Structures are given as structure tokens and as C-alpha cells.
């Protein structure tokens, strides 16, 4: 299933890079980077995060502190920031449309 129409990324692409990549991407931005693209509209950020959580669910909870799968860095909040920006932008567009 296509999860990002801007970059034509599938759920399989996201699962593969999250579980097989040596760089252990843990944010949507890192997933995009591993796949050679970047976020465009940001609407897929939540879906990518959900797929990442599903792919790593058991592993992320069971891994010891030294395992790269369990590490979280400061960029972990980046996904949340992208989602907030997109939601604000969508609200502004809707308000502008309503005012016309």
C-alpha cells in the first residue's frame, strides 16, 4: 500500500528500511533519508510512525539499553513537530477557504 503519495513510498519500503537498515532510523525524517527522499506535505508522517511502531513493537520494548533498536534521540520529536505544522497549515487553509 502506498503511504506517501508525494514520494511514492509503500508500507513495505518503510518496514524494510526500519528493520533492515544498518543506520536504525527511528524518525520519519530518518526513514525518508534512508529512502533517498524528504517529506513534502507531511500527511503520511503519522502513518509512517504507526508502521515503524508496528515493525519494532516487540523489539523496541524488549531490547536492552545498549541495543540500537531501543535508542531514541532528540530527533524523535521531529515527527511530532512535522505533524503539528501540517495540522496548523491545514487549519489555515480551511479558514481561508471559509472566508472566501
PDB file of N, CA and C in Angstrom:
ATOM      1  N   UNK A   1       0.847  -1.168   0.000  1.00  0.00           N
ATOM      2  CA  UNK A   1       0.000   0.000   0.000  1.00  0.00           C
ATOM      3  C   UNK A   1       0.900   1.241   0.000  1.00  0.00           C
ATOM      4  N   UNK A   2       0.526   2.231  -0.782  1.00  0.00           N
ATOM      5  CA  UNK A   2       1.271   3.495  -0.832  1.00  0.00           C
ATOM      6  C   UNK A   2       0.910   4.311   0.414  1.00  0.00           C
ATOM      7  N   UNK A   3       1.926   4.710   1.165  1.00  0.00           N
ATOM      8  CA  UNK A   3       1.693   5.522   2.364  1.00  0.00           C
ATOM      9  C   UNK A   3       2.107   6.976   2.144  1.00  0.00           C
ATOM     10  N   UNK A   4       2.960   7.218   1.169  1.00  0.00           N
ATOM     11  CA  UNK A   4       3.400   8.585   0.850  1.00  0.00           C
ATOM     12  C   UNK A   4       3.250   8.782  -0.654  1.00  0.00           C
ATOM     13  N   UNK A   5       2.199   9.528  -1.048  1.00  0.00           N
ATOM     14  CA  UNK A   5       1.988   9.749  -2.477  1.00  0.00           C
ATOM     15  C   UNK A   5       3.002  10.713  -3.074  1.00  0.00           C
ATOM     16  N   UNK A   6       3.507  11.638  -2.262  1.00  0.00           N
ATOM     17  CA  UNK A   6       4.487  12.605  -2.771  1.00  0.00           C
ATOM     18  C   UNK A   6       5.768  11.908  -3.244  1.00  0.00           C
ATOM     19  N   UNK A   7       6.221  10.918  -2.464  1.00  0.00           N
ATOM     20  CA  UNK A   7       7.462  10.210  -2.785  1.00  0.00           C
ATOM     21  C   UNK A   7       7.218   8.782  -3.263  1.00  0.00           C
ATOM     22  N   UNK A   8       5.980   8.385  -3.363  1.00  0.00           N
ATOM     23  CA  UNK A   8       5.555   7.044  -3.754  1.00  0.00           C
ATOM     24  C   UNK A   8       6.286   5.983  -2.916  1.00  0.00           C
ATOM     25  N   UNK A   9       6.088   6.087  -1.606  1.00  0.00           N
ATOM     26  CA  UNK A   9       6.660   5.119  -0.672  1.00  0.00           C
ATOM     27  C   UNK A   9       5.565   4.163  -0.224  1.00  0.00           C
ATOM     28  N   UNK A  10       5.913   2.894  -0.129  1.00  0.00           N
ATOM     29  CA  UNK A  10       4.944   1.900   0.323  1.00  0.00           C
ATOM     30  C   UNK A  10       5.209   1.516   1.776  1.00  0.00           C
ATOM     31  N   UNK A  11       4.231   0.856   2.369  1.00  0.00           N
ATOM     32  CA  UNK A  11       4.416   0.365   3.736  1.00  0.00           C
ATOM     33  C   UNK A  11       5.561  -0.642   3.775  1.00  0.00           C
ATOM     34  N   UNK A  12       5.732  -1.405   2.697  1.00  0.00           N
ATOM     35  CA  UNK A  12       6.844  -2.363   2.614  1.00  0.00           C
ATOM     36  C   UNK A  12       8.187  -1.633   2.644  1.00  0.00           C
ATOM     37  N   UNK A  13       8.292  -0.509   1.921  1.00  0.00           N
ATOM     38  CA  UNK A  13       9.533   0.283   1.925  1.00  0.00           C
ATOM     39  C   UNK A  13       9.881   0.728   3.344  1.00  0.00           C
ATOM     40  N   UNK A  14       8.868   1.229   4.059  1.00  0.00           N
ATOM     41  CA  UNK A  14       9.093   1.728   5.421  1.00  0.00           C
ATOM     42  C   UNK A  14       9.502   0.584   6.341  1.00  0.00           C
ATOM     43  N   UNK A  15       8.766  -0.527   6.301  1.00  0.00           N
ATOM     44  CA  UNK A  15       9.108  -1.669   7.167  1.00  0.00           C
ATOM     45  C   UNK A  15      10.520  -2.175   6.875  1.00  0.00           C
ATOM     46  N   UNK A  16      10.843  -2.256   5.605  1.00  0.00           N
ATOM     47  CA  UNK A  16      12.162  -2.782   5.218  1.00  0.00           C
ATOM     48  C   UNK A  16      13.286  -1.892   5.755  1.00  0.00           C
ATOM     49  N   UNK A  17      13.166  -0.578   5.564  1.00  0.00           N
ATOM     50  CA  UNK A  17      14.247   0.306   5.996  1.00  0.00           C
ATOM     51  C   UNK A  17      14.345   0.351   7.525  1.00  0.00           C
ATOM     52  N   UNK A  18      13.229   0.231   8.219  1.00  0.00           N
ATOM     53  CA  UNK A  18      13.247   0.274   9.681  1.00  0.00           C
ATOM     54  C   UNK A  18      13.875  -0.988  10.261  1.00  0.00           C
ATOM     55  N   UNK A  19      13.614  -2.130   9.658  1.00  0.00           N
ATOM     56  CA  UNK A  19      14.103  -3.392  10.218  1.00  0.00           C
ATOM     57  C   UNK A  19      15.431  -3.859   9.628  1.00  0.00           C
ATOM     58  N   UNK A  20      15.774  -3.418   8.420  1.00  0.00           N
ATOM     59  CA  UNK A  20      16.976  -3.938   7.754  1.00  0.00           C
ATOM     60  C   UNK A  20      18.120  -2.952   7.622  1.00  0.00           C
ATOM     61  N   UNK A  21      17.858  -1.669   7.805  1.00  0.00           N
ATOM     62  CA  UNK A  21      18.889  -0.659   7.609  1.00  0.00           C
ATOM     63  C   UNK A  21      19.911  -0.678   8.744  1.00  0.00           C
ATOM     64  N   UNK A  22      21.169  -0.525   8.399  1.00  0.00           N
ATOM     65  CA  UNK A  22      22.238  -0.509   9.400  1.00  0.00           C
ATOM     66  C   UNK A  22      22.246   0.795  10.200  1.00  0.00           C
ATOM     67  N   UNK A  23      21.555   1.829   9.700  1.00  0.00           N
ATOM     68  CA  UNK A  23      21.551   3.117  10.400  1.00  0.00           C
ATOM     69  C   UNK A  23      20.440   3.228  11.442  1.00  0.00           C
ATOM     70  N   UNK A  24      19.561   2.233  11.534  1.00  0.00           N
ATOM     71  CA  UNK A  24      18.480   2.185  12.527  1.00  0.00           C
ATOM     72  C   UNK A  24      17.663   3.470  12.577  1.00  0.00           C
ATOM     73  N   UNK A  25      16.978   3.839  11.485  1.00  0.00           N
ATOM     74  CA  UNK A  25      16.165   5.059  11.505  1.00  0.00           C
ATOM     75  C   UNK A  25      15.022   4.930  12.503  1.00  0.00           C
ATOM     76  N   UNK A  26      14.789   5.980  13.277  1.00  0.00           N
ATOM     77  CA  UNK A  26      13.737   5.946  14.296  1.00  0.00           C
ATOM     78  C   UNK A  26      12.774   7.114  14.205  1.00  0.00           C
ATOM     79  N   UNK A  27      12.938   7.962  13.184  1.00  0.00           N
ATOM     80  CA  UNK A  27      12.001   9.054  12.948  1.00  0.00           C
ATOM     81  C   UNK A  27      11.589   9.009  11.482  1.00  0.00           C
ATOM     82  N   UNK A  28      10.477   9.657  11.170  1.00  0.00           N
ATOM     83  CA  UNK A  28      10.026   9.700   9.776  1.00  0.00           C
ATOM     84  C   UNK A  28      11.085  10.365   8.898  1.00  0.00           C
ATOM     85  N   UNK A  29      11.703  11.432   9.405  1.00  0.00           N
ATOM     86  CA  UNK A  29      12.740  12.123   8.635  1.00  0.00           C
ATOM     87  C   UNK A  29      13.909  11.191   8.316  1.00  0.00           C
ATOM     88  N   UNK A  30      14.287  10.355   9.277  1.00  0.00           N
ATOM     89  CA  UNK A  30      15.379   9.411   9.045  1.00  0.00           C
ATOM     90  C   UNK A  30      14.967   8.338   8.038  1.00  0.00           C
ATOM     91  N   UNK A  31      13.718   7.920   8.081  1.00  0.00           N
ATOM     92  CA  UNK A  31      13.217   6.940   7.104  1.00  0.00           C
ATOM     93  C   UNK A  31      13.289   7.542   5.710  1.00  0.00           C
ATOM     94  N   UNK A  32      12.803   8.780   5.568  1.00  0.00           N
ATOM     95  CA  UNK A  32      12.896   9.452   4.271  1.00  0.00           C
ATOM     96  C   UNK A  32      14.341   9.499   3.789  1.00  0.00           C
ATOM     97  N   UNK A  33      15.258   9.887   4.674  1.00  0.00           N
ATOM     98  CA  UNK A  33      16.668   9.973   4.304  1.00  0.00           C
ATOM     99  C   UNK A  33      17.223   8.649   3.826  1.00  0.00           C
ATOM    100  N   UNK A  34      16.883   7.576   4.519  1.00  0.00           N
ATOM    101  CA  UNK A  34      17.351   6.246   4.109  1.00  0.00           C
ATOM    102  C   UNK A  34      16.798   5.843   2.749  1.00  0.00           C
ATOM    103  N   UNK A  35      15.622   6.362   2.422  1.00  0.00           N
ATOM    104  CA  UNK A  35      14.993   6.033   1.146  1.00  0.00           C
ATOM    105  C   UNK A  35      15.332   7.042   0.054  1.00  0.00           C
ATOM    106  N   UNK A  36      16.211   7.999   0.383  1.00  0.00           N
ATOM    107  CA  UNK A  36      16.688   8.947  -0.617  1.00  0.00           C
ATOM    108  C   UNK A  36      15.712  10.050  -0.978  1.00  0.00           C
ATOM    109  N   UNK A  37      14.832  10.411  -0.051  1.00  0.00           N
ATOM    110  CA  UNK A  37      13.888  11.490  -0.327  1.00  0.00           C
ATOM    111  C   UNK A  37      13.667  12.303   0.942  1.00  0.00           C
ATOM    112  N   UNK A  38      12.722  13.230   0.911  1.00  0.00           N
ATOM    113  CA  UNK A  38      12.404  14.027   2.095  1.00  0.00           C
ATOM    114  C   UNK A  38      10.901  14.251   2.149  1.00  0.00           C
ATOM    115  N   UNK A  39      10.414  14.647   3.318  1.00  0.00           N
ATOM    116  CA  UNK A  39       8.987  14.888   3.495  1.00  0.00           C
ATOM    117  C   UNK A  39       8.558  16.062   2.620  1.00  0.00           C
ATOM    118  N   UNK A  40       7.419  15.922   1.992  1.00  0.00           N
ATOM    119  CA  UNK A  40       6.877  17.005   1.172  1.00  0.00           C
ATOM    120  C   UNK A  40       5.706  17.654   1.906  1.00  0.00           C
ATOM    121  N   UNK A  41       4.542  17.028   1.900  1.00  0.00           N
ATOM    122  CA  UNK A  41       3.369  17.626   2.551  1.00  0.00           C
ATOM    123  C   UNK A  41       3.241  17.203   4.014  1.00  0.00           C
ATOM    124  N   UNK A  42       3.816  16.069   4.400  1.00  0.00           N
ATOM    125  CA  UNK A  42       3.790  15.616   5.783  1.00  0.00           C
ATOM    126  C   UNK A  42       2.560  14.838   6.202  1.00  0.00           C
ATOM    127  N   UNK A  43       1.605  14.643   5.314  1.00  0.00           N
ATOM    128  CA  UNK A  43       0.378  13.927   5.673  1.00  0.00           C
ATOM    129  C   UNK A  43       0.628  12.465   6.023  1.00  0.00           C
ATOM    130  N   UNK A  44       1.713  11.916   5.543  1.00  0.00           N
ATOM    131  CA  UNK A  44       1.997  10.498   5.776  1.00  0.00           C
ATOM    132  C   UNK A  44       2.783  10.269   7.071  1.00  0.00           C
ATOM    133  N   UNK A  45       3.194  11.318   7.765  1.00  0.00           N
ATOM    134  CA  UNK A  45       4.070  11.184   8.932  1.00  0.00           C
ATOM    135  C   UNK A  45       3.466  10.279  10.004  1.00  0.00           C
ATOM    136  N   UNK A  46       2.193  10.441  10.272  1.00  0.00           N
ATOM    137  CA  UNK A  46       1.551   9.594  11.289  1.00  0.00           C
ATOM    138  C   UNK A  46       1.508   8.135  10.860  1.00  0.00           C
ATOM    139  N   UNK A  47       1.210   7.900   9.590  1.00  0.00           N
ATOM    140  CA  UNK A  47       1.155   6.529   9.085  1.00  0.00           C
ATOM    141  C   UNK A  47       2.530   5.883   9.134  1.00  0.00           C
ATOM    142  N   UNK A  48       3.555   6.633   8.751  1.00  0.00           N
ATOM    143  CA  UNK A  48       4.925   6.110   8.816  1.00  0.00           C
ATOM    144  C   UNK A  48       5.290   5.781  10.252  1.00  0.00           C
ATOM    145  N   UNK A  49       4.947   6.646  11.189  1.00  0.00           N
ATOM    146  CA  UNK A  49       5.232   6.397  12.609  1.00  0.00           C
ATOM    147  C   UNK A  49       4.500   5.140  13.081  1.00  0.00           C
ATOM    148  N   UNK A  50       3.266   4.967  12.670  1.00  0.00           N
ATOM    149  CA  UNK A  50       2.491   3.779  13.057  1.00  0.00           C
ATOM    150  C   UNK A  50       3.142   2.506  12.500  1.00  0.00           C
ATOM    151  N   UNK A  51       3.559   2.550  11.251  1.00  0.00           N
ATOM    152  CA  UNK A  51       4.229   1.390  10.634  1.00  0.00           C
ATOM    153  C   UNK A  51       5.536   1.098  11.362  1.00  0.00           C
ATOM    154  N   UNK A  52       6.280   2.143  11.719  1.00  0.00           N
ATOM    155  CA  UNK A  52       7.530   1.958  12.453  1.00  0.00           C
ATOM    156  C   UNK A  52       7.257   1.300  13.805  1.00  0.00           C
ATOM    157  N   UNK A  53       6.238   1.789  14.508  1.00  0.00           N
ATOM    158  CA  UNK A  53       5.896   1.219  15.815  1.00  0.00           C
ATOM    159  C   UNK A  53       5.492  -0.248  15.696  1.00  0.00           C
ATOM    160  N   UNK A  54       4.716  -0.573  14.653  1.00  0.00           N
ATOM    161  CA  UNK A  54       4.309  -1.962  14.437  1.00  0.00           C
ATOM    162  C   UNK A  54       5.516  -2.841  14.115  1.00  0.00           C
ATOM    163  N   UNK A  55       6.408  -2.333  13.273  1.00  0.00           N
ATOM    164  CA  UNK A  55       7.570  -3.113  12.857  1.00  0.00           C
ATOM    165  C   UNK A  55       8.535  -3.361  14.003  1.00  0.00           C
ATOM    166  N   UNK A  56       8.633  -2.412  14.921  1.00  0.00           N
ATOM    167  CA  UNK A  56       9.592  -2.519  16.019  1.00  0.00           C
ATOM    168  C   UNK A  56       8.939  -2.846  17.350  1.00  0.00           C
ATOM    169  N   UNK A  57       7.622  -2.929  17.388  1.00  0.00           N
ATOM    170  CA  UNK A  57       6.881  -3.087  18.628  1.00  0.00           C
ATOM    171  C   UNK A  57       7.525  -3.968  19.668  1.00  0.00           C
ATOM    172  N   UNK A  58       7.613  -5.235  19.443  1.00  0.00           N
ATOM    173  CA  UNK A  58       8.161  -6.167  20.413  1.00  0.00           C
ATOM    174  C   UNK A  58       9.638  -5.915  20.648  1.00  0.00           C
ATOM    175  N   UNK A  59      10.376  -5.676  19.591  1.00  0.00           N
ATOM    176  CA  UNK A  59      11.821  -5.478  19.696  1.00  0.00           C
ATOM    177  C   UNK A  59      12.145  -4.239  20.524  1.00  0.00           C
ATOM    178  N   UNK A  60      11.470  -3.133  20.235  1.00  0.00           N
ATOM    179  CA  UNK A  60      11.762  -1.877  20.939  1.00  0.00           C
ATOM    180  C   UNK A  60      11.478  -1.992  22.424  1.00  0.00           C
ATOM    181  N   UNK A  61      10.466  -2.773  22.790  1.00  0.00           N
ATOM    182  CA  UNK A  61      10.129  -2.937  24.200  1.00  0.00           C
ATOM    183  C   UNK A  61      11.056  -3.930  24.891  1.00  0.00           C
ATOM    184  N   UNK A  62      11.531  -4.932  24.169  1.00  0.00           N
ATOM    185  CA  UNK A  62      12.319  -5.999  24.775  1.00  0.00           C
ATOM    186  C   UNK A  62      13.824  -5.749  24.747  1.00  0.00           C
ATOM    187  N   UNK A  63      14.287  -4.840  23.889  1.00  0.00           N
ATOM    188  CA  UNK A  63      15.726  -4.617  23.741  1.00  0.00           C
ATOM    189  C   UNK A  63      16.341  -4.017  25.000  1.00  0.00           C
ATOM    190  N   UNK A  64      17.582  -4.375  25.204  1.00  0.00           N
ATOM    191  CA  UNK A  64      18.314  -3.794  26.328  1.00  0.00           C
ATOM    192  C   UNK A  64      18.748  -2.378  25.978  1.00  0.00           C
ATOM    193  N   UNK A  65      19.237  -1.649  26.931  1.00  0.00           N
ATOM    194  CA  UNK A  65      19.582  -0.243  26.709  1.00  0.00           C
ATOM    195  C   UNK A  65      20.724  -0.065  25.708  1.00  0.00           C
ATOM    196  N   UNK A  66      21.535  -1.058  25.497  1.00  0.00           N
ATOM    197  CA  UNK A  66      22.646  -0.947  24.560  1.00  0.00           C
ATOM    198  C   UNK A  66      22.280  -1.250  23.123  1.00  0.00           C
ATOM    199  N   UNK A  67      21.087  -1.736  22.902  1.00  0.00           N
ATOM    200  CA  UNK A  67      20.651  -2.110  21.561  1.00  0.00           C
ATOM    201  C   UNK A  67      20.246  -0.866  20.767  1.00  0.00           C
ATOM    202  N   UNK A  68      20.727  -0.708  19.530  1.00  0.00           N
ATOM    203  CA  UNK A  68      20.382   0.465  18.738  1.00  0.00           C
ATOM    204  C   UNK A  68      18.893   0.551  18.431  1.00  0.00           C
ATOM    205  N   UNK A  69      18.166  -0.563  18.484  1.00  0.00           N
ATOM    206  CA  UNK A  69      16.727  -0.517  18.216  1.00  0.00           C
ATOM    207  C   UNK A  69      15.986   0.261  19.289  1.00  0.00           C
ATOM    208  N   UNK A  70      16.466   0.254  20.497  1.00  0.00           N
ATOM    209  CA  UNK A  70      15.768   0.901  21.592  1.00  0.00           C
ATOM    210  C   UNK A  70      16.162   2.342  21.822  1.00  0.00           C
ATOM    211  N   UNK A  71      17.168   2.826  21.109  1.00  0.00           N
ATOM    212  CA  UNK A  71      17.651   4.188  21.325  1.00  0.00           C
ATOM    213  C   UNK A  71      16.687   5.208  20.751  1.00  0.00           C
ATOM    214  N   UNK A  72      16.532   6.308  21.451  1.00  0.00           N
ATOM    215  CA  UNK A  72      15.761   7.443  20.973  1.00  0.00           C
ATOM    216  C   UNK A  72      16.659   8.668  21.073  1.00  0.00           C
ATOM    217  N   UNK A  73      16.675   9.457  20.030  1.00  0.00           N
ATOM    218  CA  UNK A  73      17.500  10.663  20.083  1.00  0.00           C
ATOM    219  C   UNK A  73      16.619  11.897  20.069  1.00  0.00           C
ATOM    220  N   UNK A  74      17.237  13.036  20.102  1.00  0.00           N
ATOM    221  CA  UNK A  74      16.491  14.293  20.152  1.00  0.00           C
ATOM    222  C   UNK A  74      15.636  14.495  18.912  1.00  0.00           C
ATOM    223  N   UNK A  75      15.983  13.847  17.818  1.00  0.00           N
ATOM    224  CA  UNK A  75      15.194  13.985  16.595  1.00  0.00           C
ATOM    225  C   UNK A  75      13.858  13.274  16.695  1.00  0.00           C
ATOM    226  N   UNK A  76      13.633  12.524  17.757  1.00  0.00           N
ATOM    227  CA  UNK A  76      12.368  11.815  17.942  1.00  0.00           C
ATOM    228  C   UNK A  76      11.172  12.745  17.991  1.00  0.00           C
ATOM    229  N   UNK A  77      11.387  13.967  18.405  1.00  0.00           N
ATOM    230  CA  UNK A  77      10.291  14.927  18.451  1.00  0.00           C
ATOM    231  C   UNK A  77      10.056  15.572  17.092  1.00  0.00           C
ATOM    232  N   UNK A  78      10.933  15.340  16.142  1.00  0.00           N
ATOM    233  CA  UNK A  78      10.811  15.942  14.820  1.00  0.00           C
ATOM    234  C   UNK A  78       9.514  15.524  14.142  1.00  0.00           C
ATOM    235  N   UNK A  79       9.141  14.265  14.249  1.00  0.00           N
ATOM    236  CA  UNK A  79       7.907  13.778  13.643  1.00  0.00           C
ATOM    237  C   UNK A  79       6.716  14.522  14.225  1.00  0.00           C
ATOM    238  N   UNK A  80       6.692  14.678  15.538  1.00  0.00           N
ATOM    239  CA  UNK A  80       5.598  15.385  16.181  1.00  0.00           C
ATOM    240  C   UNK A  80       5.528  16.818  15.696  1.00  0.00           C
ATOM    241  N   UNK A  81       6.672  17.455  15.501  1.00  0.00           N
ATOM    242  CA  UNK A  81       6.699  18.830  15.028  1.00  0.00           C
ATOM    243  C   UNK A  81       6.179  18.932  13.604  1.00  0.00           C
ATOM    244  N   UNK A  82       6.538  17.975  12.746  1.00  0.00           N
ATOM    245  CA  UNK A  82       6.051  17.963  11.366  1.00  0.00           C
ATOM    246  C   UNK A  82       4.532  17.820  11.354  1.00  0.00           C
ATOM    247  N   UNK A  83       4.012  16.913  12.169  1.00  0.00           N
ATOM    248  CA  UNK A  83       2.568  16.695  12.230  1.00  0.00           C
ATOM    249  C   UNK A  83       1.864  17.964  12.697  1.00  0.00           C
ATOM    250  N   UNK A  84       2.398  18.629  13.715  1.00  0.00           N
ATOM    251  CA  UNK A  84       1.789  19.862  14.220  1.00  0.00           C
ATOM    252  C   UNK A  84       1.784  20.944  13.150  1.00  0.00           C
ATOM    253  N   UNK A  85       2.870  21.099  12.413  1.00  0.00           N
ATOM    254  CA  UNK A  85       2.955  22.116  11.371  1.00  0.00           C
ATOM    255  C   UNK A  85       1.926  21.834  10.283  1.00  0.00           C
ATOM    256  N   UNK A  86       1.811  20.583   9.872  1.00  0.00           N
ATOM    257  CA  UNK A  86       0.853  20.221   8.829  1.00  0.00           C
ATOM    258  C   UNK A  86      -0.572  20.499   9.306  1.00  0.00           C
ATOM    259  N   UNK A  87      -0.883  20.153  10.557  1.00  0.00           N
ATOM    260  CA  UNK A  87      -2.220  20.398  11.085  1.00  0.00           C
ATOM    261  C   UNK A  87      -2.525  21.893  11.115  1.00  0.00           C
ATOM    262  N   UNK A  88      -1.562  22.710  11.518  1.00  0.00           N
ATOM    263  CA  UNK A  88      -1.757  24.162  11.547  1.00  0.00           C
ATOM    264  C   UNK A  88      -1.957  24.689  10.135  1.00  0.00           C
ATOM    265  N   UNK A  89      -1.143  24.213   9.183  1.00  0.00           N
ATOM    266  CA  UNK A  89      -1.268  24.667   7.801  1.00  0.00           C
ATOM    267  C   UNK A  89      -2.627  24.287   7.227  1.00  0.00           C
ATOM    268  N   UNK A  90      -3.106  23.087   7.530  1.00  0.00           N
ATOM    269  CA  UNK A  90      -4.412  22.652   7.041  1.00  0.00           C
ATOM    270  C   UNK A  90      -5.522  23.510   7.646  1.00  0.00           C
ATOM    271  N   UNK A  91      -5.391  23.869   8.910  1.00  0.00           N
ATOM    272  CA  UNK A  91      -6.380  24.720   9.566  1.00  0.00           C
ATOM    273  C   UNK A  91      -6.410  26.094   8.918  1.00  0.00           C
ATOM    274  N   UNK A  92      -5.243  26.651   8.631  1.00  0.00           N
ATOM    275  CA  UNK A  92      -5.159  27.961   7.983  1.00  0.00           C
ATOM    276  C   UNK A  92      -5.818  27.915   6.614  1.00  0.00           C
ATOM    277  N   UNK A  93      -5.583  26.865   5.849  1.00  0.00           N
ATOM    278  CA  UNK A  93      -6.190  26.731   4.524  1.00  0.00           C
ATOM    279  C   UNK A  93      -7.706  26.649   4.649  1.00  0.00           C
ATOM    280  N   UNK A  94      -8.205  25.861   5.598  1.00  0.00           N
ATOM    281  CA  UNK A  94      -9.648  25.735   5.782  1.00  0.00           C
ATOM    282  C   UNK A  94     -10.267  27.067   6.186  1.00  0.00           C
ATOM    283  N   UNK A  95      -9.595  27.813   7.070  1.00  0.00           N
ATOM    284  CA  UNK A  95     -10.111  29.122   7.463  1.00  0.00           C
ATOM    285  C   UNK A  95     -10.126  30.086   6.288  1.00  0.00           C
ATOM    286  N   UNK A  96      -9.101  30.046   5.469  1.00  0.00           N
ATOM    287  CA  UNK A  96      -9.024  30.913   4.302  1.00  0.00           C
ATOM    288  C   UNK A  96     -10.131  30.567   3.308  1.00  0.00           C
ATOM    289  N   UNK A  97     -10.381  29.273   3.134  1.00  0.00           N
ATOM    290  CA  UNK A  97     -11.447  28.848   2.219  1.00  0.00           C
ATOM    291  C   UNK A  97     -12.810  29.274   2.753  1.00  0.00           C
ATOM    292  N   UNK A  98     -13.001  29.185   4.051  1.00  0.00           N
ATOM    293  CA  UNK A  98     -14.277  29.572   4.652  1.00  0.00           C
ATOM    294  C   UNK A  98     -14.519  31.067   4.530  1.00  0.00           C
ATOM    295  N   UNK A  99     -13.438  31.852   4.529  1.00  0.00           N
ATOM    296  CA  UNK A  99     -13.571  33.298   4.452  1.00  0.00           C
ATOM    297  C   UNK A  99     -13.929  33.771   3.045  1.00  0.00           C
ATOM    298  N   UNK A 100     -13.722  32.942   2.036  1.00  0.00           N
ATOM    299  CA  UNK A 100     -13.999  33.342   0.648  1.00  0.00           C
ATOM    300  C   UNK A 100     -15.468  33.309   0.327  1.00  0.00           C
TER     301      UNK A 100
END
